[in-house]
Amino acid sequence: MTRRPWRVDYVRRAERDMRRLDPPVLRRVFAALDRLAADDPSVDVLKLRGQETWRLRVGDWRILFERDEAIQVISVMRVLPRGRAYDR
């Protein structure tokens, strides 16, 4: 049985973050999210301690997201440079 890919949703703040990215970085972010949605084991994902938030590393950028296993939805919360990603 093949698994269906996850759906990726973006909160408004993440959309705003992504509009500010340079085109090459934006392409890498979308490529990483595509791999994440397809359950590619090569993506660098880590659950943040004490939170329901996960992070996806894309070079010096961090994609912060939450995922709902029941309905297979990834909600992208923020896309930030590494130095600002954990200042929440």
N, C-alpha and C. Protein backbone atom coordinates (compact mmCIF):
# COMPACT_ATOMS: atom_id res chain seq x y z
N MET A 1 0.85 -1.19 0.00
CA MET A 1 0.00 0.00 0.00
C MET A 1 0.89 1.24 0.00
N THR A 2 0.65 2.14 -0.93
CA THR A 2 1.43 3.38 -0.97
C THR A 2 0.72 4.44 -0.15
N ARG A 3 1.52 5.22 0.51
CA ARG A 3 0.97 6.30 1.33
C ARG A 3 0.75 7.52 0.47
N ARG A 4 -0.30 8.22 0.75
CA ARG A 4 -0.53 9.47 0.02
C ARG A 4 0.36 10.55 0.61
N PRO A 5 0.78 11.49 -0.22
CA PRO A 5 1.64 12.55 0.31
C PRO A 5 0.87 13.47 1.26
N TRP A 6 1.63 14.10 2.12
CA TRP A 6 1.05 15.06 3.06
C TRP A 6 0.66 16.31 2.31
N ARG A 7 -0.35 17.01 2.80
CA ARG A 7 -0.72 18.31 2.25
C ARG A 7 0.04 19.37 3.05
N VAL A 8 0.53 20.39 2.37
CA VAL A 8 1.28 21.47 3.02
C VAL A 8 0.43 22.74 2.98
N ASP A 9 0.14 23.28 4.16
CA ASP A 9 -0.58 24.55 4.29
C ASP A 9 0.38 25.58 4.88
N TYR A 10 0.09 26.84 4.62
CA TYR A 10 0.94 27.94 5.10
C TYR A 10 0.08 28.92 5.89
N VAL A 11 0.53 29.27 7.10
CA VAL A 11 -0.15 30.33 7.83
C VAL A 11 0.28 31.65 7.20
N ARG A 12 -0.47 32.69 7.47
CA ARG A 12 -0.21 33.99 6.84
C ARG A 12 1.21 34.48 7.12
N ARG A 13 1.69 34.27 8.33
CA ARG A 13 3.03 34.74 8.70
C ARG A 13 4.10 34.03 7.86
N ALA A 14 3.93 32.74 7.61
CA ALA A 14 4.88 31.99 6.79
C ALA A 14 4.85 32.49 5.35
N GLU A 15 3.66 32.80 4.84
CA GLU A 15 3.56 33.34 3.48
C GLU A 15 4.33 34.66 3.39
N ARG A 16 4.21 35.49 4.42
CA ARG A 16 4.93 36.76 4.44
C ARG A 16 6.44 36.52 4.48
N ASP A 17 6.87 35.57 5.32
CA ASP A 17 8.30 35.23 5.38
C ASP A 17 8.81 34.81 4.00
N MET A 18 8.03 33.99 3.31
CA MET A 18 8.47 33.44 2.03
C MET A 18 8.51 34.50 0.94
N ARG A 19 7.63 35.49 1.00
CA ARG A 19 7.67 36.57 0.00
C ARG A 19 8.97 37.37 0.09
N ARG A 20 9.62 37.36 1.24
CA ARG A 20 10.85 38.12 1.44
C ARG A 20 12.11 37.36 1.02
N LEU A 21 11.97 36.08 0.68
CA LEU A 21 13.14 35.27 0.33
C LEU A 21 13.62 35.55 -1.08
N ASP A 22 14.93 35.40 -1.28
CA ASP A 22 15.49 35.47 -2.63
C ASP A 22 15.00 34.27 -3.42
N PRO A 23 14.83 34.41 -4.73
CA PRO A 23 14.31 33.29 -5.54
C PRO A 23 15.08 31.97 -5.38
N PRO A 24 16.44 31.97 -5.34
CA PRO A 24 17.11 30.67 -5.17
C PRO A 24 16.80 30.00 -3.82
N VAL A 25 16.70 30.80 -2.77
CA VAL A 25 16.38 30.26 -1.44
C VAL A 25 14.94 29.75 -1.45
N LEU A 26 14.04 30.49 -2.06
CA LEU A 26 12.64 30.09 -2.12
C LEU A 26 12.50 28.75 -2.85
N ARG A 27 13.24 28.56 -3.94
CA ARG A 27 13.20 27.29 -4.66
C ARG A 27 13.67 26.15 -3.77
N ARG A 28 14.72 26.38 -2.98
CA ARG A 28 15.22 25.34 -2.07
C ARG A 28 14.21 25.03 -0.97
N VAL A 29 13.53 26.06 -0.48
CA VAL A 29 12.50 25.86 0.55
C VAL A 29 11.36 25.01 -0.01
N PHE A 30 10.87 25.35 -1.20
CA PHE A 30 9.79 24.57 -1.81
C PHE A 30 10.23 23.14 -2.09
N ALA A 31 11.46 22.95 -2.55
CA ALA A 31 11.96 21.60 -2.82
C ALA A 31 12.02 20.78 -1.53
N ALA A 32 12.49 21.41 -0.44
CA ALA A 32 12.56 20.70 0.84
C ALA A 32 11.16 20.34 1.35
N LEU A 33 10.20 21.24 1.19
CA LEU A 33 8.83 20.96 1.62
C LEU A 33 8.22 19.85 0.77
N ASP A 34 8.53 19.81 -0.52
CA ASP A 34 8.05 18.72 -1.38
C ASP A 34 8.59 17.38 -0.90
N ARG A 35 9.89 17.36 -0.55
CA ARG A 35 10.49 16.11 -0.05
C ARG A 35 9.87 15.72 1.29
N LEU A 36 9.62 16.71 2.15
CA LEU A 36 8.99 16.44 3.45
C LEU A 36 7.59 15.85 3.24
N ALA A 37 6.82 16.43 2.35
CA ALA A 37 5.45 15.97 2.09
C ALA A 37 5.44 14.55 1.52
N ALA A 38 6.50 14.18 0.82
CA ALA A 38 6.60 12.85 0.23
C ALA A 38 7.22 11.83 1.20
N ASP A 39 7.46 12.23 2.44
CA ASP A 39 8.10 11.37 3.45
C ASP A 39 9.49 10.92 3.04
N ASP A 40 10.24 11.80 2.39
CA ASP A 40 11.62 11.50 2.01
C ASP A 40 12.47 11.44 3.28
N PRO A 41 13.16 10.32 3.52
CA PRO A 41 13.96 10.21 4.74
C PRO A 41 15.21 11.08 4.76
N SER A 42 15.55 11.71 3.64
CA SER A 42 16.78 12.51 3.59
C SER A 42 16.61 13.92 4.15
N VAL A 43 15.39 14.34 4.45
CA VAL A 43 15.20 15.70 4.97
C VAL A 43 15.67 15.77 6.42
N ASP A 44 16.20 16.92 6.81
CA ASP A 44 16.73 17.12 8.15
C ASP A 44 15.65 17.72 9.04
N VAL A 45 14.89 16.86 9.70
CA VAL A 45 13.75 17.27 10.52
C VAL A 45 14.02 16.91 11.97
N LEU A 46 13.62 17.81 12.86
CA LEU A 46 13.81 17.59 14.28
C LEU A 46 12.62 18.18 15.04
N LYS A 47 12.09 17.44 16.01
CA LYS A 47 11.01 17.97 16.84
C LYS A 47 11.64 18.85 17.91
N LEU A 48 11.12 20.06 18.07
CA LEU A 48 11.66 20.97 19.07
C LEU A 48 11.20 20.53 20.46
N ARG A 49 12.11 20.56 21.38
CA ARG A 49 11.87 20.08 22.73
C ARG A 49 10.80 20.90 23.43
N GLY A 50 9.84 20.20 24.03
CA GLY A 50 8.81 20.85 24.82
C GLY A 50 7.75 21.57 24.00
N GLN A 51 7.69 21.31 22.69
CA GLN A 51 6.73 21.99 21.82
C GLN A 51 6.11 20.99 20.86
N GLU A 52 5.05 21.41 20.20
CA GLU A 52 4.46 20.61 19.14
C GLU A 52 5.04 21.00 17.79
N THR A 53 6.02 21.87 17.80
CA THR A 53 6.62 22.40 16.59
C THR A 53 7.81 21.56 16.15
N TRP A 54 7.94 21.41 14.86
CA TRP A 54 9.08 20.72 14.26
C TRP A 54 9.87 21.75 13.47
N ARG A 55 11.13 21.42 13.16
CA ARG A 55 11.91 22.30 12.29
C ARG A 55 12.51 21.48 11.16
N LEU A 56 12.53 22.11 10.00
CA LEU A 56 13.14 21.53 8.80
C LEU A 56 14.30 22.43 8.44
N ARG A 57 15.50 21.87 8.37
CA ARG A 57 16.69 22.67 8.06
C ARG A 57 16.91 22.69 6.55
N VAL A 58 17.08 23.92 6.02
CA VAL A 58 17.39 24.12 4.61
C VAL A 58 18.57 25.10 4.57
N GLY A 59 19.79 24.55 4.62
CA GLY A 59 20.97 25.40 4.68
C GLY A 59 20.96 26.23 5.95
N ASP A 60 21.05 27.55 5.80
CA ASP A 60 21.02 28.46 6.95
C ASP A 60 19.60 28.89 7.33
N TRP A 61 18.62 28.31 6.68
CA TRP A 61 17.22 28.66 6.93
C TRP A 61 16.52 27.55 7.69
N ARG A 62 15.51 27.92 8.47
CA ARG A 62 14.73 26.97 9.23
C ARG A 62 13.26 27.16 8.90
N ILE A 63 12.61 26.06 8.61
CA ILE A 63 11.16 26.05 8.38
C ILE A 63 10.55 25.46 9.64
N LEU A 64 9.76 26.24 10.34
CA LEU A 64 9.09 25.78 11.55
C LEU A 64 7.68 25.36 11.17
N PHE A 65 7.30 24.16 11.55
CA PHE A 65 5.99 23.65 11.15
C PHE A 65 5.41 22.75 12.22
N GLU A 66 4.11 22.54 12.11
CA GLU A 66 3.40 21.58 12.95
C GLU A 66 2.77 20.58 12.00
N ARG A 67 2.59 19.36 12.49
CA ARG A 67 1.97 18.37 11.61
C ARG A 67 0.87 17.62 12.33
N ASP A 68 -0.17 17.34 11.59
CA ASP A 68 -1.32 16.61 12.10
C ASP A 68 -1.32 15.24 11.43
N GLU A 69 -0.93 14.24 12.22
CA GLU A 69 -0.81 12.88 11.69
C GLU A 69 -2.16 12.34 11.20
N ALA A 70 -3.24 12.68 11.90
CA ALA A 70 -4.55 12.11 11.59
C ALA A 70 -5.02 12.49 10.18
N ILE A 71 -4.81 13.73 9.80
CA ILE A 71 -5.28 14.17 8.48
C ILE A 71 -4.13 14.44 7.52
N GLN A 72 -2.92 14.13 7.93
CA GLN A 72 -1.71 14.27 7.12
C GLN A 72 -1.57 15.68 6.53
N VAL A 73 -1.54 16.67 7.43
CA VAL A 73 -1.36 18.06 7.03
C VAL A 73 -0.14 18.63 7.74
N ILE A 74 0.72 19.27 6.97
CA ILE A 74 1.86 20.00 7.51
C ILE A 74 1.51 21.48 7.45
N SER A 75 1.52 22.15 8.60
CA SER A 75 1.21 23.58 8.66
C SER A 75 2.52 24.34 8.87
N VAL A 76 2.95 25.05 7.84
CA VAL A 76 4.18 25.82 7.93
C VAL A 76 3.88 27.10 8.70
N MET A 77 4.61 27.30 9.81
CA MET A 77 4.37 28.43 10.69
C MET A 77 5.29 29.62 10.36
N ARG A 78 6.57 29.34 10.15
CA ARG A 78 7.56 30.39 9.88
C ARG A 78 8.65 29.84 8.98
N VAL A 79 9.31 30.73 8.24
CA VAL A 79 10.51 30.43 7.46
C VAL A 79 11.49 31.54 7.80
N LEU A 80 12.52 31.20 8.59
CA LEU A 80 13.42 32.21 9.14
C LEU A 80 14.88 31.78 9.03
N PRO A 81 15.79 32.77 9.05
CA PRO A 81 17.21 32.40 9.13
C PRO A 81 17.49 31.74 10.48
N ARG A 82 18.48 30.90 10.52
CA ARG A 82 18.78 30.11 11.71
C ARG A 82 18.87 30.95 12.98
N GLY A 83 19.50 32.10 12.91
CA GLY A 83 19.70 32.94 14.08
C GLY A 83 18.43 33.49 14.70
N ARG A 84 17.36 33.59 13.90
CA ARG A 84 16.09 34.14 14.41
C ARG A 84 15.03 33.09 14.63
N ALA A 85 15.28 31.88 14.17
CA ALA A 85 14.23 30.85 14.18
C ALA A 85 13.80 30.41 15.57
N TYR A 86 14.70 30.48 16.53
CA TYR A 86 14.40 29.94 17.85
C TYR A 86 14.16 31.01 18.90
N ASP A 87 13.97 32.27 18.49
CA ASP A 87 13.75 33.39 19.41
C ASP A 87 12.28 33.60 19.75
N ARG A 88 11.50 32.56 19.73
CA ARG A 88 10.04 32.72 19.89
C ARG A 88 9.66 32.87 21.32
